[in-house]
Amino acid sequence: MTDHTTRLDHVVLWVRDPIAAAGFYEKAVGLEPVRLTEFSAGEVPFPSVRVNEETILDLMPLAMAERMTMFPGAAESSGHPVNHICLSLPADGFDTLRSRLEEQSVPVTDISHDSFGARGPARRSFYFRDPDGNVLEARHYD
């Protein structure tokens, strides 16, 4: 039977150096690189990192923004960052991520409590930036 539930497949992040960005997301955030070897060999236009079995973040080279022609005006809107992406983790994953970011000297915000998200109020959350200025939020629910 086919599952027809709507899911988030991917988010495209504009980055200056996709290899460096993949390294950040692997080492500091703990996400697995996807197609990094193929990108390095010039076989694919961008690498990604896996959030979970169903969702990836595409690390699109900012230099490709001018080639975004999927609909009229797309090139003019390409390269603009989103406000932020939120990663929901279990409590221990939340603590591990925060520790890993601090070990790598990545600035993090204070911890907030009860911010609203897809599953209601989150017990704790904080924000950080990747090397390209993309803002990420980490949170966990009860």
C-alpha atoms as a PDB file:
ATOM      1  CA  MET A   1       0.000   0.000   0.000  1.00  0.00           C
ATOM      2  CA  THR A   2       1.283   3.481  -0.860  1.00  0.00           C
ATOM      3  CA  ASP A   3       1.551   6.050   1.921  1.00  0.00           C
ATOM      4  CA  HIS A   4       0.192   9.369   0.675  1.00  0.00           C
ATOM      5  CA  THR A   5       1.071  11.398   3.792  1.00  0.00           C
ATOM      6  CA  THR A   6       2.614  14.777   2.990  1.00  0.00           C
ATOM      7  CA  ARG A   7       6.204  14.977   4.209  1.00  0.00           C
ATOM      8  CA  LEU A   8       9.100  17.402   3.985  1.00  0.00           C
ATOM      9  CA  ASP A   9      11.538  15.978   1.420  1.00  0.00           C
ATOM     10  CA  HIS A  10      14.338  18.556   1.321  1.00  0.00           C
ATOM     11  CA  VAL A  11      15.350  22.153   1.956  1.00  0.00           C
ATOM     12  CA  VAL A  12      17.913  23.916  -0.241  1.00  0.00           C
ATOM     13  CA  LEU A  13      20.551  25.962   1.584  1.00  0.00           C
ATOM     14  CA  TRP A  14      22.775  28.330  -0.382  1.00  0.00           C
ATOM     15  CA  VAL A  15      26.420  27.856   0.584  1.00  0.00           C
ATOM     16  CA  ARG A  16      29.729  29.302  -0.625  1.00  0.00           C
ATOM     17  CA  ASP A  17      31.657  26.028  -0.322  1.00  0.00           C
ATOM     18  CA  PRO A  18      29.513  22.869  -0.360  1.00  0.00           C
ATOM     19  CA  ILE A  19      32.384  20.624   0.790  1.00  0.00           C
ATOM     20  CA  ALA A  20      33.115  22.852   3.796  1.00  0.00           C
ATOM     21  CA  ALA A  21      29.380  23.113   4.524  1.00  0.00           C
ATOM     22  CA  ALA A  22      29.029  19.312   4.425  1.00  0.00           C
ATOM     23  CA  GLY A  23      31.954  19.083   6.849  1.00  0.00           C
ATOM     24  CA  PHE A  24      30.259  21.513   9.237  1.00  0.00           C
ATOM     25  CA  TYR A  25      26.946  19.665   9.119  1.00  0.00           C
ATOM     26  CA  GLU A  26      28.714  16.333   9.638  1.00  0.00           C
ATOM     27  CA  LYS A  27      31.154  17.332  12.391  1.00  0.00           C
ATOM     28  CA  ALA A  28      29.243  20.050  14.264  1.00  0.00           C
ATOM     29  CA  VAL A  29      25.626  19.014  13.689  1.00  0.00           C
ATOM     30  CA  GLY A  30      26.042  15.249  13.264  1.00  0.00           C
ATOM     31  CA  LEU A  31      24.270  14.868   9.899  1.00  0.00           C
ATOM     32  CA  GLU A  32      25.503  12.305   7.369  1.00  0.00           C
ATOM     33  CA  PRO A  33      26.800  13.648   4.022  1.00  0.00           C
ATOM     34  CA  VAL A  34      25.048  12.384   0.880  1.00  0.00           C
ATOM     35  CA  ARG A  35      26.657  12.460  -2.611  1.00  0.00           C
ATOM     36  CA  LEU A  36      29.751  14.263  -1.304  1.00  0.00           C
ATOM     37  CA  THR A  37      32.150  11.980  -3.204  1.00  0.00           C
ATOM     38  CA  GLU A  38      30.113  12.403  -6.385  1.00  0.00           C
ATOM     39  CA  PHE A  39      30.069  16.195  -5.959  1.00  0.00           C
ATOM     40  CA  SER A  40      33.831  16.275  -5.362  1.00  0.00           C
ATOM     41  CA  ALA A  41      34.293  14.280  -8.589  1.00  0.00           C
ATOM     42  CA  GLY A  42      32.107  16.730 -10.548  1.00  0.00           C
ATOM     43  CA  GLU A  43      29.442  14.080 -11.175  1.00  0.00           C
ATOM     44  CA  VAL A  44      26.534  15.864  -9.413  1.00  0.00           C
ATOM     45  CA  PRO A  45      25.792  19.602  -9.011  1.00  0.00           C
ATOM     46  CA  PHE A  46      25.533  19.634  -5.195  1.00  0.00           C
ATOM     47  CA  PRO A  47      25.878  17.414  -2.122  1.00  0.00           C
ATOM     48  CA  SER A  48      23.347  17.016   0.660  1.00  0.00           C
ATOM     49  CA  VAL A  49      23.225  15.992   4.312  1.00  0.00           C
ATOM     50  CA  ARG A  50      20.662  13.579   5.713  1.00  0.00           C
ATOM     51  CA  VAL A  51      18.349  14.802   8.498  1.00  0.00           C
ATOM     52  CA  ASN A  52      16.487  11.463   8.709  1.00  0.00           C
ATOM     53  CA  GLU A  53      15.462   8.630   6.384  1.00  0.00           C
ATOM     54  CA  GLU A  54      12.986  10.931   4.595  1.00  0.00           C
ATOM     55  CA  THR A  55      14.541  14.412   4.687  1.00  0.00           C
ATOM     56  CA  ILE A  56      17.775  15.980   3.431  1.00  0.00           C
ATOM     57  CA  LEU A  57      19.306  19.447   3.269  1.00  0.00           C
ATOM     58  CA  ASP A  58      20.739  20.229  -0.159  1.00  0.00           C
ATOM     59  CA  LEU A  59      23.953  22.279   0.005  1.00  0.00           C
ATOM     60  CA  MET A  60      23.597  24.298  -3.181  1.00  0.00           C
ATOM     61  CA  PRO A  61      26.616  26.294  -4.386  1.00  0.00           C
ATOM     62  CA  LEU A  62      25.713  29.984  -4.267  1.00  0.00           C
ATOM     63  CA  ALA A  63      27.367  30.322  -7.684  1.00  0.00           C
ATOM     64  CA  MET A  64      24.454  28.321  -9.141  1.00  0.00           C
ATOM     65  CA  ALA A  65      21.853  30.927  -8.122  1.00  0.00           C
ATOM     66  CA  GLU A  66      22.028  32.617 -11.516  1.00  0.00           C
ATOM     67  CA  ARG A  67      21.063  29.343 -13.213  1.00  0.00           C
ATOM     68  CA  MET A  68      17.773  28.902 -11.339  1.00  0.00           C
ATOM     69  CA  THR A  69      15.298  29.182 -14.206  1.00  0.00           C
ATOM     70  CA  MET A  70      12.541  26.733 -13.215  1.00  0.00           C
ATOM     71  CA  PHE A  71       9.961  29.550 -13.466  1.00  0.00           C
ATOM     72  CA  PRO A  72      10.050  33.253 -14.444  1.00  0.00           C
ATOM     73  CA  GLY A  73      11.823  35.331 -11.781  1.00  0.00           C
ATOM     74  CA  ALA A  74      13.433  32.341 -10.040  1.00  0.00           C
ATOM     75  CA  ALA A  75      16.972  33.622 -10.624  1.00  0.00           C
ATOM     76  CA  GLU A  76      16.140  36.897  -8.852  1.00  0.00           C
ATOM     77  CA  SER A  77      14.908  35.073  -5.748  1.00  0.00           C
ATOM     78  CA  SER A  78      17.699  32.490  -5.653  1.00  0.00           C
ATOM     79  CA  GLY A  79      20.360  32.822  -3.026  1.00  0.00           C
ATOM     80  CA  HIS A  80      18.137  34.472  -0.445  1.00  0.00           C
ATOM     81  CA  PRO A  81      18.290  32.617   2.861  1.00  0.00           C
ATOM     82  CA  VAL A  82      15.231  31.395   4.712  1.00  0.00           C
ATOM     83  CA  ASN A  83      14.703  32.733   8.229  1.00  0.00           C
ATOM     84  CA  HIS A  84      15.691  29.439   9.857  1.00  0.00           C
ATOM     85  CA  ILE A  85      15.334  25.661   9.784  1.00  0.00           C
ATOM     86  CA  CYS A  86      14.360  23.780  12.917  1.00  0.00           C
ATOM     87  CA  LEU A  87      15.719  20.330  13.768  1.00  0.00           C
ATOM     88  CA  SER A  88      13.667  18.353  16.313  1.00  0.00           C
ATOM     89  CA  LEU A  89      15.768  15.909  18.327  1.00  0.00           C
ATOM     90  CA  PRO A  90      15.293  13.618  21.298  1.00  0.00           C
ATOM     91  CA  ALA A  91      16.479  15.153  24.598  1.00  0.00           C
ATOM     92  CA  ASP A  92      19.835  13.336  24.572  1.00  0.00           C
ATOM     93  CA  GLY A  93      20.433  14.297  20.929  1.00  0.00           C
ATOM     94  CA  PHE A  94      19.639  17.919  21.810  1.00  0.00           C
ATOM     95  CA  ASP A  95      22.251  17.877  24.600  1.00  0.00           C
ATOM     96  CA  THR A  96      24.806  16.113  22.374  1.00  0.00           C
ATOM     97  CA  LEU A  97      24.323  18.644  19.571  1.00  0.00           C
ATOM     98  CA  ARG A  98      24.717  21.614  21.910  1.00  0.00           C
ATOM     99  CA  SER A  99      27.904  20.115  23.389  1.00  0.00           C
ATOM    100  CA  ARG A 100      29.326  19.332  19.938  1.00  0.00           C
ATOM    101  CA  LEU A 101      28.639  22.881  18.717  1.00  0.00           C
ATOM    102  CA  GLU A 102      30.282  24.378  21.814  1.00  0.00           C
ATOM    103  CA  GLU A 103      33.302  22.060  21.395  1.00  0.00           C
ATOM    104  CA  GLN A 104      33.668  23.366  17.817  1.00  0.00           C
ATOM    105  CA  SER A 105      33.343  26.987  19.056  1.00  0.00           C
ATOM    106  CA  VAL A 106      30.072  27.525  17.205  1.00  0.00           C
ATOM    107  CA  PRO A 107      28.151  30.327  18.963  1.00  0.00           C
ATOM    108  CA  VAL A 108      24.775  29.225  20.326  1.00  0.00           C
ATOM    109  CA  THR A 109      21.935  31.216  21.880  1.00  0.00           C
ATOM    110  CA  ASP A 110      20.593  30.784  25.369  1.00  0.00           C
ATOM    111  CA  ILE A 111      18.102  27.975  25.816  1.00  0.00           C
ATOM    112  CA  SER A 112      14.440  28.960  25.428  1.00  0.00           C
ATOM    113  CA  HIS A 113      11.513  27.060  26.863  1.00  0.00           C
ATOM    114  CA  ASP A 114       8.027  26.321  25.521  1.00  0.00           C
ATOM    115  CA  SER A 115       8.464  27.773  22.018  1.00  0.00           C
ATOM    116  CA  PHE A 116       5.679  26.608  19.707  1.00  0.00           C
ATOM    117  CA  GLY A 117       6.371  24.208  16.848  1.00  0.00           C
ATOM    118  CA  ALA A 118       4.837  21.464  14.743  1.00  0.00           C
ATOM    119  CA  ARG A 119       4.235  19.247  17.782  1.00  0.00           C
ATOM    120  CA  GLY A 120       3.161  22.000  20.205  1.00  0.00           C
ATOM    121  CA  PRO A 121       5.342  23.661  22.858  1.00  0.00           C
ATOM    122  CA  ALA A 122       8.954  22.460  22.833  1.00  0.00           C
ATOM    123  CA  ARG A 123      10.582  21.805  26.185  1.00  0.00           C
ATOM    124  CA  ARG A 124      13.861  23.475  25.147  1.00  0.00           C
ATOM    125  CA  SER A 125      15.314  25.119  22.047  1.00  0.00           C
ATOM    126  CA  PHE A 126      18.312  27.169  20.915  1.00  0.00           C
ATOM    127  CA  TYR A 127      19.648  28.715  17.716  1.00  0.00           C
ATOM    128  CA  PHE A 128      22.993  28.648  15.899  1.00  0.00           C
ATOM    129  CA  ARG A 129      24.391  29.584  12.469  1.00  0.00           C
ATOM    130  CA  ASP A 130      26.241  27.515   9.923  1.00  0.00           C
ATOM    131  CA  PRO A 131      29.404  28.984   8.327  1.00  0.00           C
ATOM    132  CA  ASP A 132      27.292  30.514   5.515  1.00  0.00           C
ATOM    133  CA  GLY A 133      25.010  32.389   7.900  1.00  0.00           C
ATOM    134  CA  ASN A 134      22.026  30.025   7.621  1.00  0.00           C
ATOM    135  CA  VAL A 135      20.218  29.973  10.965  1.00  0.00           C
ATOM    136  CA  LEU A 136      19.188  26.671  12.524  1.00  0.00           C
ATOM    137  CA  GLU A 137      17.091  25.988  15.582  1.00  0.00           C
ATOM    138  CA  ALA A 138      17.453  22.811  17.634  1.00  0.00           C
ATOM    139  CA  ARG A 139      14.617  21.706  19.900  1.00  0.00           C
ATOM    140  CA  HIS A 140      13.149  18.781  21.721  1.00  0.00           C
ATOM    141  CA  TYR A 141       9.674  18.007  22.922  1.00  0.00           C
ATOM    142  CA  ASP A 142       8.673  16.061  26.038  1.00  0.00           C
END
